[in-house]
Amino acid sequence: MQKTCGSTRPLYHFPVLQELIDEVQRERRDVENWLPVTSSRNARWWYSAFHNVTAMVGAGVLSLPSAMAYLTWYKLPCKLMHVLC
């Protein structure tokens, strides 16, 4: 509803559309109340830096076995072990 000079009139003339708009606004309000983005967070720059480094290193470490299997790098250590033993 939109207020104009003390009176209240619907934003649109279609009640179904107005109900849909109200529902979307209500959901948006719920999300904003659930996760408020304010200046009260206590993060420092090194927390962000540490998180970024661990995310990149973690992704790299988890992808190494797949990369080695795809590039057939696992055959070289096996051949070396066979030759040495």
C-alpha atoms as a PDB file:
ATOM      1  CA  MET A   1       0.000   0.000   0.000  1.00  0.00           C
ATOM      2  CA  GLN A   2       1.161   3.471  -0.761  1.00  0.00           C
ATOM      3  CA  LYS A   3       0.212   6.448   1.364  1.00  0.00           C
ATOM      4  CA  THR A   4      -0.864   9.613  -0.394  1.00  0.00           C
ATOM      5  CA  CYS A   5      -2.057  12.679   1.547  1.00  0.00           C
ATOM      6  CA  GLY A   6      -3.273  10.639   4.512  1.00  0.00           C
ATOM      7  CA  SER A   7      -5.202   8.106   2.410  1.00  0.00           C
ATOM      8  CA  THR A   8      -4.083   4.611   1.612  1.00  0.00           C
ATOM      9  CA  ARG A   9      -4.507   3.257  -1.882  1.00  0.00           C
ATOM     10  CA  PRO A  10      -3.155   0.103  -3.492  1.00  0.00           C
ATOM     11  CA  LEU A  11       0.005   0.440  -5.486  1.00  0.00           C
ATOM     12  CA  TYR A  12      -1.582  -1.538  -8.315  1.00  0.00           C
ATOM     13  CA  HIS A  13      -5.222  -2.017  -9.217  1.00  0.00           C
ATOM     14  CA  PHE A  14      -4.913  -5.782  -9.344  1.00  0.00           C
ATOM     15  CA  PRO A  15      -5.238  -7.334  -5.876  1.00  0.00           C
ATOM     16  CA  VAL A  16      -3.415 -10.528  -6.896  1.00  0.00           C
ATOM     17  CA  LEU A  17      -0.447  -8.526  -8.118  1.00  0.00           C
ATOM     18  CA  GLN A  18      -0.469  -6.459  -4.935  1.00  0.00           C
ATOM     19  CA  GLU A  19      -0.475  -9.649  -2.830  1.00  0.00           C
ATOM     20  CA  LEU A  20       2.492 -10.959  -4.824  1.00  0.00           C
ATOM     21  CA  ILE A  21       4.399  -7.720  -4.317  1.00  0.00           C
ATOM     22  CA  ASP A  22       3.626  -7.773  -0.601  1.00  0.00           C
ATOM     23  CA  GLU A  23       4.847 -11.377  -0.357  1.00  0.00           C
ATOM     24  CA  VAL A  24       8.131 -10.541  -2.138  1.00  0.00           C
ATOM     25  CA  GLN A  25       8.677  -7.532   0.119  1.00  0.00           C
ATOM     26  CA  ARG A  26       7.944  -9.654   3.190  1.00  0.00           C
ATOM     27  CA  GLU A  27      10.451 -12.301   2.078  1.00  0.00           C
ATOM     28  CA  ARG A  28      13.078  -9.635   1.389  1.00  0.00           C
ATOM     29  CA  ARG A  29      12.506  -8.166   4.847  1.00  0.00           C
ATOM     30  CA  ASP A  30      12.861 -11.625   6.402  1.00  0.00           C
ATOM     31  CA  VAL A  31      16.185 -12.195   4.646  1.00  0.00           C
ATOM     32  CA  GLU A  32      17.487  -8.773   5.659  1.00  0.00           C
ATOM     33  CA  ASN A  33      16.477  -9.391   9.271  1.00  0.00           C
ATOM     34  CA  TRP A  34      18.105 -12.827   9.206  1.00  0.00           C
ATOM     35  CA  LEU A  35      21.463 -11.559   7.871  1.00  0.00           C
ATOM     36  CA  PRO A  36      21.888  -7.890   8.583  1.00  0.00           C
ATOM     37  CA  VAL A  37      24.861  -6.336   6.839  1.00  0.00           C
ATOM     38  CA  THR A  38      26.009  -3.765   9.338  1.00  0.00           C
ATOM     39  CA  SER A  39      29.273  -2.374  10.631  1.00  0.00           C
ATOM     40  CA  SER A  40      29.022  -4.455  13.806  1.00  0.00           C
ATOM     41  CA  ARG A  41      31.052  -7.326  12.354  1.00  0.00           C
ATOM     42  CA  ASN A  42      34.462  -7.886  13.917  1.00  0.00           C
ATOM     43  CA  ALA A  43      36.452  -9.188  10.924  1.00  0.00           C
ATOM     44  CA  ARG A  44      39.954  -7.949  10.256  1.00  0.00           C
ATOM     45  CA  TRP A  45      41.889  -7.943   7.007  1.00  0.00           C
ATOM     46  CA  TRP A  46      44.042 -10.909   8.038  1.00  0.00           C
ATOM     47  CA  TYR A  47      40.958 -13.063   8.583  1.00  0.00           C
ATOM     48  CA  SER A  48      39.991 -12.435   4.977  1.00  0.00           C
ATOM     49  CA  ALA A  49      43.530 -13.007   3.737  1.00  0.00           C
ATOM     50  CA  PHE A  50      43.825 -16.284   5.673  1.00  0.00           C
ATOM     51  CA  HIS A  51      40.465 -17.452   4.383  1.00  0.00           C
ATOM     52  CA  ASN A  52      41.416 -16.668   0.772  1.00  0.00           C
ATOM     53  CA  VAL A  53      44.764 -18.458   1.076  1.00  0.00           C
ATOM     54  CA  THR A  54      43.253 -21.566   2.650  1.00  0.00           C
ATOM     55  CA  ALA A  55      40.486 -21.647   0.034  1.00  0.00           C
ATOM     56  CA  MET A  56      42.989 -21.509  -2.841  1.00  0.00           C
ATOM     57  CA  VAL A  57      45.389 -24.012  -1.282  1.00  0.00           C
ATOM     58  CA  GLY A  58      42.537 -26.354  -0.401  1.00  0.00           C
ATOM     59  CA  ALA A  59      41.155 -26.283  -3.918  1.00  0.00           C
ATOM     60  CA  GLY A  60      44.626 -26.940  -5.332  1.00  0.00           C
ATOM     61  CA  VAL A  61      45.342 -29.835  -2.982  1.00  0.00           C
ATOM     62  CA  LEU A  62      41.985 -31.457  -3.645  1.00  0.00           C
ATOM     63  CA  SER A  63      42.447 -31.212  -7.405  1.00  0.00           C
ATOM     64  CA  LEU A  64      45.966 -32.692  -7.477  1.00  0.00           C
ATOM     65  CA  PRO A  65      44.955 -36.387  -7.549  1.00  0.00           C
ATOM     66  CA  SER A  66      42.534 -35.732 -10.371  1.00  0.00           C
ATOM     67  CA  ALA A  67      45.125 -33.765 -12.333  1.00  0.00           C
ATOM     68  CA  MET A  68      47.767 -36.417 -11.843  1.00  0.00           C
ATOM     69  CA  ALA A  69      45.412 -39.189 -12.916  1.00  0.00           C
ATOM     70  CA  TYR A  70      44.315 -37.221 -15.963  1.00  0.00           C
ATOM     71  CA  LEU A  71      47.876 -36.375 -16.986  1.00  0.00           C
ATOM     72  CA  THR A  72      49.092 -39.921 -16.200  1.00  0.00           C
ATOM     73  CA  TRP A  73      51.741 -38.651 -13.822  1.00  0.00           C
ATOM     74  CA  TYR A  74      51.087 -41.600 -11.561  1.00  0.00           C
ATOM     75  CA  LYS A  75      52.956 -43.910 -13.954  1.00  0.00           C
ATOM     76  CA  LEU A  76      56.323 -42.262 -13.385  1.00  0.00           C
ATOM     77  CA  PRO A  77      56.549 -43.007  -9.631  1.00  0.00           C
ATOM     78  CA  CYS A  78      55.375 -46.562 -10.300  1.00  0.00           C
ATOM     79  CA  LYS A  79      58.090 -47.098 -12.920  1.00  0.00           C
ATOM     80  CA  LEU A  80      60.731 -45.615 -10.614  1.00  0.00           C
ATOM     81  CA  MET A  81      59.664 -47.904  -7.797  1.00  0.00           C
ATOM     82  CA  HIS A  82      59.808 -50.895 -10.153  1.00  0.00           C
ATOM     83  CA  VAL A  83      63.290 -49.988 -11.349  1.00  0.00           C
ATOM     84  CA  LEU A  84      64.605 -49.289  -7.857  1.00  0.00           C
ATOM     85  CA  CYS A  85      63.177 -52.428  -6.257  1.00  0.00           C
END
